Amino acid sequence: MSQSKSKANPSERKSGETDTGFTAEERAAMKERASELKAMARASQDKVEGENAVLARIAEMAEPERSMAARLHEIIMTSAPNLLPRLWYGMPAYAKEGKVVCFFQSAQKFNTRYATLGFSDAANLDEGAMWPTAFALKELSAAEEAKIAMLIRRAVS
């Protein structure tokens, strides 16, 4: 008995998808990540270089995300000054001992409804059998800023 693999009809694919199944935005993010890894291999990533790269990327963002990302950067660096800012998939991220702990994901870049503050598995946020690893952001008020500062401190504890 022969087995055959069927491929999706090209006319059935979503716009911007290829045979790999990745969207144009996802492919662009992967290319950016590859460039970041090459840059990290070529140069030592110290806090100043990483912060300059993060601030430059934030400056490229359109409002209102530019202001939100800049404020998040301030909150994160104040709450956990030992974190090293760096780019991760083209977005601002903050690492401890070489591992990304938290990151900002732009809604505009990825064509989503809201920006995201996410945490990796390196973040110390475990609570019971289930806990959030990402938070949707539409705007930052004093209440959200306080919660983010608390989460960041906990994530690096």
N, C-alpha and C. Protein backbone atom coordinates (compact mmCIF):
# COMPACT_ATOMS: atom_id res chain seq x y z
N MET A 1 0.86 -1.16 0.00
CA MET A 1 0.00 0.00 0.00
C MET A 1 0.90 1.22 0.00
N SER A 2 0.68 2.12 -0.90
CA SER A 2 1.53 3.31 -0.97
C SER A 2 0.88 4.44 -0.18
N GLN A 3 1.75 5.20 0.45
CA GLN A 3 1.27 6.36 1.19
C GLN A 3 1.64 7.60 0.40
N SER A 4 0.73 8.50 0.32
CA SER A 4 1.04 9.75 -0.39
C SER A 4 0.77 10.92 0.53
N LYS A 5 1.62 11.91 0.39
CA LYS A 5 1.45 13.13 1.17
C LYS A 5 0.76 14.15 0.28
N SER A 6 -0.27 14.74 0.82
CA SER A 6 -0.96 15.76 0.04
C SER A 6 -0.54 17.13 0.54
N LYS A 7 -0.31 18.03 -0.40
CA LYS A 7 0.05 19.40 -0.04
C LYS A 7 -1.19 20.26 -0.21
N ALA A 8 -1.24 21.28 0.61
CA ALA A 8 -2.38 22.20 0.51
C ALA A 8 -2.37 22.87 -0.85
N ASN A 9 -3.52 23.04 -1.39
CA ASN A 9 -3.66 23.73 -2.66
C ASN A 9 -3.19 25.17 -2.47
N PRO A 10 -2.27 25.66 -3.32
CA PRO A 10 -1.77 27.02 -3.15
C PRO A 10 -2.88 28.06 -3.11
N SER A 11 -3.99 27.81 -3.79
CA SER A 11 -5.08 28.78 -3.77
C SER A 11 -5.80 28.79 -2.43
N GLU A 12 -5.57 27.76 -1.58
CA GLU A 12 -6.23 27.69 -0.29
C GLU A 12 -5.41 28.35 0.81
N ARG A 13 -4.15 28.72 0.52
CA ARG A 13 -3.31 29.35 1.54
C ARG A 13 -3.75 30.76 1.79
N LYS A 14 -3.48 31.21 3.01
CA LYS A 14 -3.77 32.60 3.36
C LYS A 14 -2.78 33.50 2.64
N SER A 15 -3.19 34.71 2.41
CA SER A 15 -2.32 35.68 1.77
C SER A 15 -1.05 35.87 2.58
N GLY A 16 0.10 35.84 1.91
CA GLY A 16 1.36 36.06 2.58
C GLY A 16 2.01 34.79 3.10
N GLU A 17 1.33 33.62 2.98
CA GLU A 17 1.91 32.38 3.46
C GLU A 17 2.63 31.67 2.31
N THR A 18 3.65 30.92 2.67
CA THR A 18 4.36 30.10 1.71
C THR A 18 4.17 28.65 2.11
N ASP A 19 4.86 27.75 1.42
CA ASP A 19 4.77 26.33 1.76
C ASP A 19 5.21 26.06 3.18
N THR A 20 6.02 26.96 3.78
CA THR A 20 6.49 26.76 5.15
C THR A 20 5.39 27.05 6.15
N GLY A 21 4.35 27.75 5.75
CA GLY A 21 3.26 28.07 6.66
C GLY A 21 3.48 29.32 7.48
N PHE A 22 4.61 30.01 7.27
CA PHE A 22 4.89 31.23 8.02
C PHE A 22 4.38 32.44 7.26
N THR A 23 3.86 33.40 8.01
CA THR A 23 3.41 34.65 7.39
C THR A 23 4.62 35.51 7.09
N ALA A 24 4.41 36.54 6.30
CA ALA A 24 5.51 37.46 5.98
C ALA A 24 6.07 38.11 7.24
N GLU A 25 5.21 38.44 8.19
CA GLU A 25 5.66 39.05 9.45
C GLU A 25 6.51 38.07 10.25
N GLU A 26 6.09 36.81 10.30
CA GLU A 26 6.85 35.80 11.03
C GLU A 26 8.21 35.56 10.38
N ARG A 27 8.24 35.50 9.04
CA ARG A 27 9.52 35.32 8.34
C ARG A 27 10.45 36.51 8.60
N ALA A 28 9.89 37.72 8.61
CA ALA A 28 10.70 38.92 8.88
C ALA A 28 11.26 38.87 10.29
N ALA A 29 10.45 38.45 11.25
CA ALA A 29 10.92 38.36 12.64
C ALA A 29 12.03 37.31 12.76
N MET A 30 11.90 36.20 12.05
CA MET A 30 12.94 35.17 12.10
C MET A 30 14.25 35.68 11.47
N LYS A 31 14.15 36.43 10.39
CA LYS A 31 15.34 37.01 9.77
C LYS A 31 16.00 38.00 10.71
N GLU A 32 15.18 38.82 11.39
CA GLU A 32 15.74 39.76 12.37
C GLU A 32 16.44 39.02 13.49
N ARG A 33 15.84 37.93 13.95
CA ARG A 33 16.45 37.15 15.03
C ARG A 33 17.78 36.56 14.57
N ALA A 34 17.86 36.08 13.36
CA ALA A 34 19.13 35.54 12.84
C ALA A 34 20.19 36.62 12.80
N SER A 35 19.82 37.83 12.39
CA SER A 35 20.76 38.95 12.37
C SER A 35 21.22 39.29 13.78
N GLU A 36 20.29 39.26 14.73
CA GLU A 36 20.64 39.55 16.12
C GLU A 36 21.64 38.53 16.65
N LEU A 37 21.43 37.25 16.34
CA LEU A 37 22.34 36.21 16.81
C LEU A 37 23.73 36.40 16.22
N LYS A 38 23.79 36.77 14.94
CA LYS A 38 25.08 37.03 14.31
C LYS A 38 25.77 38.22 14.97
N ALA A 39 25.02 39.28 15.25
CA ALA A 39 25.60 40.46 15.89
C ALA A 39 26.11 40.12 17.28
N MET A 40 25.38 39.29 18.01
CA MET A 40 25.80 38.89 19.35
C MET A 40 27.08 38.07 19.29
N ALA A 41 27.23 37.25 18.26
CA ALA A 41 28.43 36.43 18.12
C ALA A 41 29.64 37.30 17.77
N ARG A 42 29.44 38.37 17.00
CA ARG A 42 30.54 39.23 16.57
C ARG A 42 31.00 40.18 17.67
N ALA A 43 30.12 40.64 18.49
CA ALA A 43 30.48 41.66 19.48
C ALA A 43 29.99 41.26 20.86
N SER A 44 30.72 41.67 21.85
CA SER A 44 30.27 41.39 23.21
C SER A 44 29.05 42.27 23.49
N GLN A 45 28.05 41.66 24.07
CA GLN A 45 26.81 42.38 24.34
C GLN A 45 26.85 42.94 25.75
N ASP A 46 27.26 44.16 25.89
CA ASP A 46 27.21 44.76 27.21
C ASP A 46 25.95 45.60 27.35
N LYS A 47 25.74 46.09 28.51
CA LYS A 47 24.49 46.80 28.81
C LYS A 47 24.30 48.03 27.95
N VAL A 48 25.38 48.77 27.69
CA VAL A 48 25.27 50.01 26.91
C VAL A 48 24.88 49.70 25.46
N GLU A 49 25.55 48.72 24.85
CA GLU A 49 25.22 48.34 23.47
C GLU A 49 23.78 47.86 23.36
N GLY A 50 23.39 47.01 24.30
CA GLY A 50 22.03 46.48 24.29
C GLY A 50 21.00 47.57 24.49
N GLU A 51 21.27 48.45 25.43
CA GLU A 51 20.31 49.54 25.69
C GLU A 51 20.21 50.47 24.49
N ASN A 52 21.34 50.76 23.84
CA ASN A 52 21.30 51.61 22.65
C ASN A 52 20.47 50.96 21.54
N ALA A 53 20.61 49.66 21.36
CA ALA A 53 19.83 48.95 20.34
C ALA A 53 18.34 48.97 20.67
N VAL A 54 18.02 48.75 21.94
CA VAL A 54 16.61 48.77 22.37
C VAL A 54 16.01 50.16 22.19
N LEU A 55 16.73 51.19 22.64
CA LEU A 55 16.22 52.55 22.52
C LEU A 55 16.07 52.97 21.06
N ALA A 56 16.99 52.53 20.21
CA ALA A 56 16.87 52.83 18.77
C ALA A 56 15.63 52.17 18.18
N ARG A 57 15.37 50.93 18.57
CA ARG A 57 14.18 50.23 18.06
C ARG A 57 12.91 50.89 18.56
N ILE A 58 12.91 51.30 19.82
CA ILE A 58 11.74 52.00 20.38
C ILE A 58 11.49 53.29 19.62
N ALA A 59 12.56 54.02 19.30
CA ALA A 59 12.43 55.29 18.57
C ALA A 59 11.83 55.09 17.18
N GLU A 60 11.99 53.91 16.60
CA GLU A 60 11.44 53.61 15.28
C GLU A 60 9.94 53.32 15.32
N MET A 61 9.42 53.02 16.50
CA MET A 61 8.00 52.66 16.63
C MET A 61 7.12 53.88 16.44
N ALA A 62 5.93 53.63 15.94
CA ALA A 62 4.94 54.70 15.81
C ALA A 62 4.20 54.86 17.14
N GLU A 63 3.65 56.03 17.35
CA GLU A 63 2.83 56.25 18.54
C GLU A 63 1.51 55.49 18.38
N PRO A 64 0.90 55.05 19.43
CA PRO A 64 1.22 55.26 20.84
C PRO A 64 2.22 54.23 21.40
N GLU A 65 2.62 53.25 20.58
CA GLU A 65 3.50 52.21 21.09
C GLU A 65 4.88 52.73 21.45
N ARG A 66 5.35 53.76 20.79
CA ARG A 66 6.67 54.31 21.12
C ARG A 66 6.69 54.76 22.58
N SER A 67 5.69 55.53 22.98
CA SER A 67 5.62 56.02 24.36
C SER A 67 5.45 54.86 25.34
N MET A 68 4.62 53.88 24.98
CA MET A 68 4.39 52.75 25.86
C MET A 68 5.67 51.94 26.03
N ALA A 69 6.36 51.66 24.95
CA ALA A 69 7.60 50.89 25.01
C ALA A 69 8.68 51.64 25.79
N ALA A 70 8.76 52.95 25.60
CA ALA A 70 9.74 53.76 26.34
C ALA A 70 9.44 53.72 27.83
N ARG A 71 8.19 53.83 28.20
CA ARG A 71 7.81 53.79 29.61
C ARG A 71 8.06 52.41 30.20
N LEU A 72 7.76 51.36 29.44
CA LEU A 72 8.04 50.00 29.90
C LEU A 72 9.54 49.81 30.14
N HIS A 73 10.34 50.35 29.23
CA HIS A 73 11.80 50.26 29.38
C HIS A 73 12.23 50.90 30.70
N GLU A 74 11.70 52.07 30.99
CA GLU A 74 12.03 52.75 32.25
C GLU A 74 11.61 51.92 33.47
N ILE A 75 10.40 51.38 33.42
CA ILE A 75 9.89 50.58 34.54
C ILE A 75 10.75 49.34 34.74
N ILE A 76 11.07 48.66 33.67
CA ILE A 76 11.86 47.43 33.76
C ILE A 76 13.26 47.73 34.28
N MET A 77 13.91 48.75 33.74
CA MET A 77 15.27 49.07 34.16
C MET A 77 15.33 49.57 35.60
N THR A 78 14.28 50.23 36.06
CA THR A 78 14.21 50.68 37.45
C THR A 78 13.91 49.52 38.39
N SER A 79 13.00 48.65 37.98
CA SER A 79 12.58 47.53 38.83
C SER A 79 13.63 46.43 38.91
N ALA A 80 14.39 46.26 37.85
CA ALA A 80 15.41 45.19 37.81
C ALA A 80 16.64 45.70 37.05
N PRO A 81 17.43 46.56 37.70
CA PRO A 81 18.59 47.14 37.00
C PRO A 81 19.63 46.13 36.58
N ASN A 82 19.57 44.90 37.10
CA ASN A 82 20.52 43.87 36.70
C ASN A 82 20.17 43.22 35.36
N LEU A 83 18.97 43.47 34.83
CA LEU A 83 18.60 42.92 33.53
C LEU A 83 19.36 43.64 32.42
N LEU A 84 19.75 42.89 31.40
CA LEU A 84 20.46 43.47 30.26
C LEU A 84 19.48 43.67 29.11
N PRO A 85 19.29 44.91 28.67
CA PRO A 85 18.41 45.14 27.52
C PRO A 85 19.07 44.60 26.25
N ARG A 86 18.24 44.07 25.36
CA ARG A 86 18.72 43.58 24.06
C ARG A 86 17.53 43.42 23.13
N LEU A 87 17.81 43.21 21.88
CA LEU A 87 16.73 42.94 20.93
C LEU A 87 16.52 41.43 20.86
N TRP A 88 15.27 41.05 20.71
CA TRP A 88 14.90 39.65 20.59
C TRP A 88 13.77 39.57 19.59
N TYR A 89 14.01 38.93 18.45
CA TYR A 89 13.07 38.91 17.34
C TYR A 89 12.68 40.32 16.92
N GLY A 90 13.65 41.24 17.02
CA GLY A 90 13.43 42.62 16.59
C GLY A 90 12.69 43.48 17.59
N MET A 91 12.42 42.98 18.76
CA MET A 91 11.66 43.71 19.77
C MET A 91 12.50 43.87 21.04
N PRO A 92 12.20 44.91 21.85
CA PRO A 92 12.91 45.09 23.11
C PRO A 92 12.70 43.89 24.04
N ALA A 93 13.82 43.45 24.64
CA ALA A 93 13.77 42.34 25.58
C ALA A 93 14.81 42.60 26.67
N TYR A 94 14.68 41.85 27.75
CA TYR A 94 15.52 42.07 28.91
C TYR A 94 15.96 40.71 29.44
N ALA A 95 17.28 40.51 29.54
CA ALA A 95 17.84 39.20 29.86
C ALA A 95 18.58 39.19 31.18
N LYS A 96 18.60 38.01 31.78
CA LYS A 96 19.37 37.76 33.00
C LYS A 96 20.21 36.52 32.73
N GLU A 97 21.52 36.66 32.93
CA GLU A 97 22.45 35.54 32.70
C GLU A 97 22.28 34.95 31.31
N GLY A 98 22.09 35.82 30.32
CA GLY A 98 21.99 35.40 28.93
C GLY A 98 20.63 34.90 28.48
N LYS A 99 19.67 34.79 29.38
CA LYS A 99 18.34 34.29 29.03
C LYS A 99 17.32 35.41 29.13
N VAL A 100 16.52 35.57 28.09
CA VAL A 100 15.47 36.59 28.09
C VAL A 100 14.46 36.26 29.18
N VAL A 101 14.16 37.28 30.00
CA VAL A 101 13.19 37.13 31.07
C VAL A 101 11.85 37.72 30.64
N CYS A 102 11.90 38.91 30.01
CA CYS A 102 10.66 39.55 29.57
C CYS A 102 10.92 40.30 28.27
N PHE A 103 9.83 40.61 27.55
CA PHE A 103 9.95 41.26 26.25
C PHE A 103 8.68 42.04 25.95
N PHE A 104 8.82 42.99 25.03
CA PHE A 104 7.70 43.77 24.53
C PHE A 104 7.46 43.35 23.09
N GLN A 105 6.23 43.15 22.72
CA GLN A 105 5.88 42.81 21.34
C GLN A 105 4.91 43.85 20.82
N SER A 106 5.28 44.48 19.74
CA SER A 106 4.49 45.55 19.14
C SER A 106 3.25 45.01 18.43
N ALA A 107 2.13 45.64 18.66
CA ALA A 107 0.90 45.28 17.93
C ALA A 107 1.02 45.70 16.48
N GLN A 108 1.61 46.87 16.26
CA GLN A 108 1.72 47.40 14.90
C GLN A 108 2.60 46.52 14.03
N LYS A 109 3.72 46.05 14.56
CA LYS A 109 4.65 45.24 13.77
C LYS A 109 4.03 43.91 13.38
N PHE A 110 3.27 43.30 14.28
CA PHE A 110 2.73 41.98 14.02
C PHE A 110 1.24 41.99 13.69
N ASN A 111 0.71 43.19 13.41
CA ASN A 111 -0.69 43.33 13.00
C ASN A 111 -1.66 42.63 13.95
N THR A 112 -1.49 42.94 15.24
CA THR A 112 -2.39 42.38 16.24
C THR A 112 -3.17 43.50 16.91
N ARG A 113 -4.14 43.13 17.68
CA ARG A 113 -5.05 44.09 18.30
C ARG A 113 -4.42 44.85 19.45
N TYR A 114 -3.44 44.26 20.11
CA TYR A 114 -2.83 44.89 21.27
C TYR A 114 -1.36 44.53 21.36
N ALA A 115 -0.58 45.40 21.99
CA ALA A 115 0.82 45.11 22.28
C ALA A 115 0.87 44.10 23.42
N THR A 116 2.02 43.47 23.60
CA THR A 116 2.14 42.43 24.61
C THR A 116 3.41 42.62 25.44
N LEU A 117 3.26 42.46 26.74
CA LEU A 117 4.40 42.30 27.64
C LEU A 117 4.44 40.83 27.97
N GLY A 118 5.50 40.16 27.53
CA GLY A 118 5.59 38.72 27.73
C GLY A 118 6.74 38.33 28.63
N PHE A 119 6.63 37.13 29.20
CA PHE A 119 7.66 36.58 30.08
C PHE A 119 8.04 35.20 29.57
N SER A 120 9.33 34.90 29.58
CA SER A 120 9.80 33.58 29.15
C SER A 120 9.79 32.62 30.33
N ASP A 121 10.20 31.39 30.05
CA ASP A 121 10.26 30.40 31.13
C ASP A 121 11.38 30.71 32.12
N ALA A 122 12.28 31.65 31.80
CA ALA A 122 13.32 32.07 32.74
C ALA A 122 12.77 32.99 33.83
N ALA A 123 11.57 33.50 33.62
CA ALA A 123 10.94 34.38 34.61
C ALA A 123 10.41 33.55 35.78
N ASN A 124 10.61 34.03 36.98
CA ASN A 124 10.18 33.33 38.19
C ASN A 124 8.76 33.75 38.54
N LEU A 125 7.82 33.36 37.70
CA LEU A 125 6.42 33.73 37.93
C LEU A 125 5.53 32.52 38.24
N ASP A 126 6.15 31.36 38.38
CA ASP A 126 5.38 30.14 38.63
C ASP A 126 4.49 30.30 39.85
N GLU A 127 3.23 29.92 39.67
CA GLU A 127 2.27 29.99 40.75
C GLU A 127 1.26 28.87 40.57
N GLY A 128 1.39 27.82 41.36
CA GLY A 128 0.49 26.68 41.24
C GLY A 128 0.73 25.93 39.94
N ALA A 129 -0.34 25.45 39.35
CA ALA A 129 -0.23 24.66 38.13
C ALA A 129 -0.47 25.49 36.87
N MET A 130 -0.84 26.78 37.04
CA MET A 130 -1.14 27.62 35.88
C MET A 130 -0.90 29.08 36.23
N TRP A 131 -0.25 29.83 35.31
CA TRP A 131 0.00 31.25 35.53
C TRP A 131 0.15 31.94 34.17
N PRO A 132 -0.09 33.23 34.12
CA PRO A 132 0.03 33.95 32.84
C PRO A 132 1.49 34.17 32.47
N THR A 133 1.77 34.14 31.16
CA THR A 133 3.11 34.42 30.67
C THR A 133 3.13 35.63 29.74
N ALA A 134 1.96 36.19 29.45
CA ALA A 134 1.90 37.38 28.60
C ALA A 134 0.69 38.22 29.00
N PHE A 135 0.85 39.52 28.81
CA PHE A 135 -0.22 40.46 29.17
C PHE A 135 -0.47 41.40 28.01
N ALA A 136 -1.72 41.57 27.65
CA ALA A 136 -2.11 42.50 26.61
C ALA A 136 -2.01 43.92 27.15
N LEU A 137 -1.51 44.83 26.31
CA LEU A 137 -1.36 46.23 26.72
C LEU A 137 -2.03 47.14 25.70
N LYS A 138 -2.94 47.95 26.17
CA LYS A 138 -3.55 48.97 25.32
C LYS A 138 -3.05 50.36 25.72
N GLU A 139 -2.81 50.54 27.02
CA GLU A 139 -2.27 51.80 27.55
C GLU A 139 -1.72 51.53 28.94
N LEU A 140 -0.94 52.47 29.45
CA LEU A 140 -0.35 52.31 30.78
C LEU A 140 -0.84 53.41 31.70
N SER A 141 -1.53 53.01 32.75
CA SER A 141 -1.91 53.95 33.80
C SER A 141 -1.02 53.65 35.01
N ALA A 142 -1.15 54.41 36.06
CA ALA A 142 -0.35 54.18 37.27
C ALA A 142 -0.59 52.78 37.82
N ALA A 143 -1.82 52.29 37.73
CA ALA A 143 -2.14 50.96 38.24
C ALA A 143 -1.40 49.87 37.45
N GLU A 144 -1.41 49.98 36.11
CA GLU A 144 -0.70 49.00 35.29
C GLU A 144 0.80 49.09 35.53
N GLU A 145 1.32 50.30 35.65
CA GLU A 145 2.76 50.48 35.88
C GLU A 145 3.18 49.82 37.19
N ALA A 146 2.39 49.96 38.23
CA ALA A 146 2.71 49.34 39.53
C ALA A 146 2.68 47.82 39.42
N LYS A 147 1.69 47.28 38.70
CA LYS A 147 1.59 45.83 38.53
C LYS A 147 2.78 45.31 37.72
N ILE A 148 3.17 46.02 36.68
CA ILE A 148 4.30 45.62 35.85
C ILE A 148 5.59 45.63 36.68
N ALA A 149 5.80 46.68 37.47
CA ALA A 149 6.99 46.76 38.32
C ALA A 149 7.05 45.57 39.28
N MET A 150 5.91 45.21 39.87
CA MET A 150 5.85 44.08 40.79
C MET A 150 6.16 42.77 40.05
N LEU A 151 5.60 42.59 38.85
CA LEU A 151 5.85 41.38 38.06
C LEU A 151 7.33 41.27 37.68
N ILE A 152 7.93 42.37 37.30
CA ILE A 152 9.35 42.36 36.90
C ILE A 152 10.22 41.97 38.10
N ARG A 153 9.97 42.59 39.24
CA ARG A 153 10.76 42.26 40.43
C ARG A 153 10.61 40.77 40.79
N ARG A 154 9.39 40.28 40.68
CA ARG A 154 9.15 38.87 40.98
C ARG A 154 9.80 37.95 39.95
N ALA A 155 9.76 38.36 38.70
CA ALA A 155 10.32 37.55 37.62
C ALA A 155 11.82 37.33 37.77
N VAL A 156 12.52 38.30 38.33
CA VAL A 156 13.98 38.18 38.47
C VAL A 156 14.41 37.73 39.86
N SER A 157 13.44 37.49 40.75
CA SER A 157 13.79 37.10 42.12
C SER A 157 14.32 35.68 42.19
